Protein backbone atom coordinates (compact mmCIF):
# COMPACT_ATOMS: atom_id res chain seq x y z
CA UNK A 1 0.00 0.00 0.00
CA UNK A 2 2.72 2.47 0.94
CA UNK A 3 4.64 1.90 -2.29
CA UNK A 4 1.60 2.59 -4.49
CA UNK A 5 0.94 5.85 -2.62
CA UNK A 6 4.54 6.93 -3.16
CA UNK A 7 4.33 6.18 -6.87
CA UNK A 8 1.08 8.17 -7.21
CA UNK A 9 2.63 11.21 -5.52
CA UNK A 10 5.87 11.06 -7.48
CA UNK A 11 5.48 12.20 -11.08
CA UNK A 12 6.84 9.80 -13.66
CA UNK A 13 10.02 11.11 -15.27
CA UNK A 14 9.48 11.35 -19.01
CA UNK A 15 11.99 9.73 -21.31
CA UNK A 16 14.29 12.05 -23.21
CA UNK A 17 13.29 12.64 -26.82
CA UNK A 18 15.49 11.31 -29.60
CA UNK A 19 16.67 14.88 -30.30
CA UNK A 20 17.73 15.40 -26.68
CA UNK A 21 19.56 12.07 -26.69
CA UNK A 22 21.42 13.19 -29.84
CA UNK A 23 22.42 16.42 -28.08
CA UNK A 24 23.62 14.59 -24.98
CA UNK A 25 25.98 12.52 -27.11
CA UNK A 26 27.81 15.67 -28.24
CA UNK A 27 30.62 17.22 -26.19
CA UNK A 28 29.70 20.62 -27.66
CA UNK A 29 26.54 20.63 -25.52
CA UNK A 30 28.55 20.87 -22.31
CA UNK A 31 31.09 23.25 -23.84
CA UNK A 32 28.43 25.73 -24.96
CA UNK A 33 26.42 25.37 -21.76
CA UNK A 34 29.51 25.94 -19.63
CA UNK A 35 30.49 28.97 -21.73
CA UNK A 36 27.04 30.54 -21.50
CA UNK A 37 25.82 29.53 -18.06
CA UNK A 38 28.95 29.55 -15.96
CA UNK A 39 31.52 31.77 -17.61
CA UNK A 40 29.78 34.54 -19.54
CA UNK A 41 26.16 34.67 -18.38
CA UNK A 42 26.82 38.02 -16.68
CA UNK A 43 28.64 39.43 -19.71
CA UNK A 44 25.68 38.69 -21.99
CA UNK A 45 23.12 39.48 -19.26
CA UNK A 46 21.42 36.10 -19.74
CA UNK A 47 18.81 34.81 -17.34
CA UNK A 48 19.78 31.78 -15.25
CA UNK A 49 18.92 28.49 -16.94
CA UNK A 50 19.62 24.82 -16.35
CA UNK A 51 21.02 22.21 -18.69
CA UNK A 52 17.53 20.74 -19.28
CA UNK A 53 16.16 24.13 -20.29
CA UNK A 54 19.13 24.57 -22.64
CA UNK A 55 18.50 21.16 -24.25
CA UNK A 56 14.81 21.99 -24.69
CA UNK A 57 15.72 25.34 -26.26
CA UNK A 58 17.93 23.70 -28.88
CA UNK A 59 15.19 21.23 -29.77
CA UNK A 60 12.47 23.91 -30.11
CA UNK A 61 13.68 26.48 -32.65
CA UNK A 62 11.01 28.95 -31.47
CA UNK A 63 12.14 28.82 -27.83
CA UNK A 64 12.64 32.25 -26.25
CA UNK A 65 15.81 31.18 -24.42
CA UNK A 66 17.37 30.12 -27.73
CA UNK A 67 16.40 33.45 -29.28
CA UNK A 68 17.77 35.38 -26.30
CA UNK A 69 21.10 33.54 -26.42
CA UNK A 70 21.62 33.95 -30.16
CA UNK A 71 20.41 37.54 -30.28
CA UNK A 72 22.69 38.69 -27.46
CA UNK A 73 25.72 36.79 -28.74
CA UNK A 74 25.32 38.08 -32.28
CA UNK A 75 24.68 41.67 -31.16
CA UNK A 76 27.83 41.60 -29.05
CA UNK A 77 30.01 39.80 -31.60
CA UNK A 78 28.94 41.94 -34.57
CA UNK A 79 28.53 45.16 -32.54
CA UNK A 80 25.01 45.64 -33.93
CA UNK A 81 21.77 46.43 -32.16
CA UNK A 82 19.48 45.73 -35.13
CA UNK A 83 19.60 41.95 -34.60
CA UNK A 84 16.29 40.86 -33.07
CA UNK A 85 14.52 37.60 -32.32
CA UNK A 86 13.11 37.38 -35.85
CA UNK A 87 16.39 38.06 -37.68
CA UNK A 88 19.01 36.14 -35.71
CA UNK A 89 18.77 32.83 -37.65
CA UNK A 90 19.88 34.47 -40.91
CA UNK A 91 22.57 36.49 -39.13
CA UNK A 92 23.88 33.33 -37.45
CA UNK A 93 24.26 31.48 -40.72
CA UNK A 94 25.81 34.50 -42.48
CA UNK A 95 28.31 35.04 -39.65
CA UNK A 96 29.41 31.40 -39.52
CA UNK A 97 29.57 31.10 -43.34
CA UNK A 98 31.70 34.27 -43.61
CA UNK A 99 34.12 33.28 -40.85
CA UNK A 100 34.38 29.59 -41.79
CA UNK A 101 33.50 29.30 -45.50
CA UNK A 102 35.43 26.04 -45.90
CA UNK A 103 33.92 24.34 -42.87
CA UNK A 104 32.27 21.08 -43.96
CA UNK A 105 29.12 21.91 -41.98
CA UNK A 106 28.70 25.12 -44.01
CA UNK A 107 29.42 23.43 -47.35
CA UNK A 108 27.05 20.52 -46.62
CA UNK A 109 24.09 22.74 -45.73
CA UNK A 110 24.28 25.42 -48.41
CA UNK A 111 21.26 25.40 -50.68
CA UNK A 112 21.86 24.67 -54.39
CA UNK A 113 21.57 28.40 -55.17
CA UNK A 114 24.22 29.16 -52.52
CA UNK A 115 21.64 30.49 -50.06
CA UNK A 116 21.30 29.81 -46.39
CA UNK A 117 19.13 26.94 -45.14
CA UNK A 118 16.22 27.68 -42.84
CA UNK A 119 17.25 27.32 -39.22
CA UNK A 120 14.07 25.44 -38.31
CA UNK A 121 14.88 22.73 -40.90
CA UNK A 122 18.31 21.98 -39.39
CA UNK A 123 18.63 19.05 -37.04
CA UNK A 124 19.54 19.75 -33.42
CA UNK A 125 23.17 18.66 -33.79
CA UNK A 126 23.71 21.20 -36.60
CA UNK A 127 22.07 23.89 -34.45
CA UNK A 128 24.36 22.98 -31.56
CA UNK A 129 27.47 23.01 -33.74
CA UNK A 130 26.56 26.45 -35.13
CA UNK A 131 26.08 27.81 -31.61
CA UNK A 132 29.37 26.25 -30.57
CA UNK A 133 31.10 27.98 -33.49
CA UNK A 134 29.56 31.26 -32.38
CA UNK A 135 30.96 30.83 -28.86
CA UNK A 136 34.38 30.02 -30.33
CA UNK A 137 34.35 33.32 -32.23
CA UNK A 138 34.08 35.06 -28.87
CA UNK A 139 37.26 33.45 -27.65
CA UNK A 140 39.03 35.59 -30.29
CA UNK A 141 37.19 38.75 -29.23
CA UNK A 142 39.41 41.22 -27.34
CA UNK A 143 36.56 42.83 -25.36
CA UNK A 144 35.38 39.48 -24.03
CA UNK A 145 38.90 38.41 -23.14
CA UNK A 146 39.51 41.68 -21.26
CA UNK A 147 36.23 41.26 -19.38
CA UNK A 148 37.09 37.65 -18.54
CA UNK A 149 40.50 38.61 -17.14
CA UNK A 150 38.77 40.65 -14.44
CA UNK A 151 35.74 38.45 -13.76
CA UNK A 152 36.63 34.81 -14.44
CA UNK A 153 39.22 32.79 -12.57
CA UNK A 154 41.75 30.96 -14.75
CA UNK A 155 40.69 27.61 -13.25
CA UNK A 156 37.15 28.19 -14.55
CA UNK A 157 38.30 28.40 -18.17
CA UNK A 158 39.60 24.85 -18.49
CA UNK A 159 38.11 21.55 -17.49
CA UNK A 160 40.79 18.95 -16.93
CA UNK A 161 40.23 15.28 -17.79
CA UNK A 162 39.61 12.99 -14.83
CA UNK A 163 41.44 10.11 -16.49
CA UNK A 164 42.26 8.17 -19.64
CA UNK A 165 41.61 4.64 -20.85
CA UNK A 166 43.88 2.06 -22.52
CA UNK A 167 43.23 3.68 -25.93
CA UNK A 168 44.26 7.11 -24.55
CA UNK A 169 40.77 8.59 -24.78
CA UNK A 170 40.27 11.22 -22.09
CA UNK A 171 37.27 11.38 -19.76
CA UNK A 172 35.70 14.61 -18.52
CA UNK A 173 33.19 14.92 -15.69
CA UNK A 174 30.89 17.94 -15.61
CA UNK A 175 29.62 18.44 -12.08
CA UNK A 176 26.91 20.97 -12.98
CA UNK A 177 25.05 18.43 -15.13
CA UNK A 178 26.49 15.26 -13.59
CA UNK A 179 27.61 13.91 -16.96
CA UNK A 180 30.69 12.05 -18.10
CA UNK A 181 32.09 12.58 -21.59
CA UNK A 182 34.80 10.69 -23.44
CA UNK A 183 36.99 12.33 -26.05
CA UNK A 184 38.01 10.45 -29.16
CA UNK A 185 41.22 8.49 -28.79
CA UNK A 186 44.13 10.09 -30.65
CA UNK A 187 44.80 8.63 -34.07
CA UNK A 188 48.07 6.74 -34.45
CA UNK A 189 50.85 9.15 -35.33
CA UNK A 190 48.45 12.12 -35.06
CA UNK A 191 47.38 14.72 -32.59
CA UNK A 192 44.90 14.50 -29.78
CA UNK A 193 41.23 13.73 -30.06
CA UNK A 194 38.39 15.92 -29.04
CA UNK A 195 35.45 14.81 -31.07
CA UNK A 196 33.43 16.87 -33.38
């Protein structure tokens, strides 16, 4: 009797959608979340959000959190105030395509006429990779680096692996989302892995 009462009072946890599972398999999810939520949330004046909210935002292309993130990042990166929640998808694609024209992701998704694909038609992994590229552009931005020198401790900028396996793949544990990620093992005679 007691166990059935407990199960009635405890809501069933829904299973993650296929899109969320795809996101969770990507190391970029944690990298972008860490960048936005823990390192530069104050710089971009973003509201506090959890990893689940971030996953949901990437899945739902009309999500206000997703629009807020992209709009604020693009405004800051491009030093433009005319980017709004209805124009950021085109600005995102244009920015990434201009800065990384030879990137396979850009080449694979260009329309036959050379135009930009619609953001809402992209799968969640492509959306995540575009947002990750956008955060990488900030790492080259002098204003952000100057701000970070004063506000962010050096230890916060790097997450060290917690160990390696027999194939030399590194393992990273993210305490804020309680997730473990494994990097790709280095190729023989080549550099380190990192996935992506």
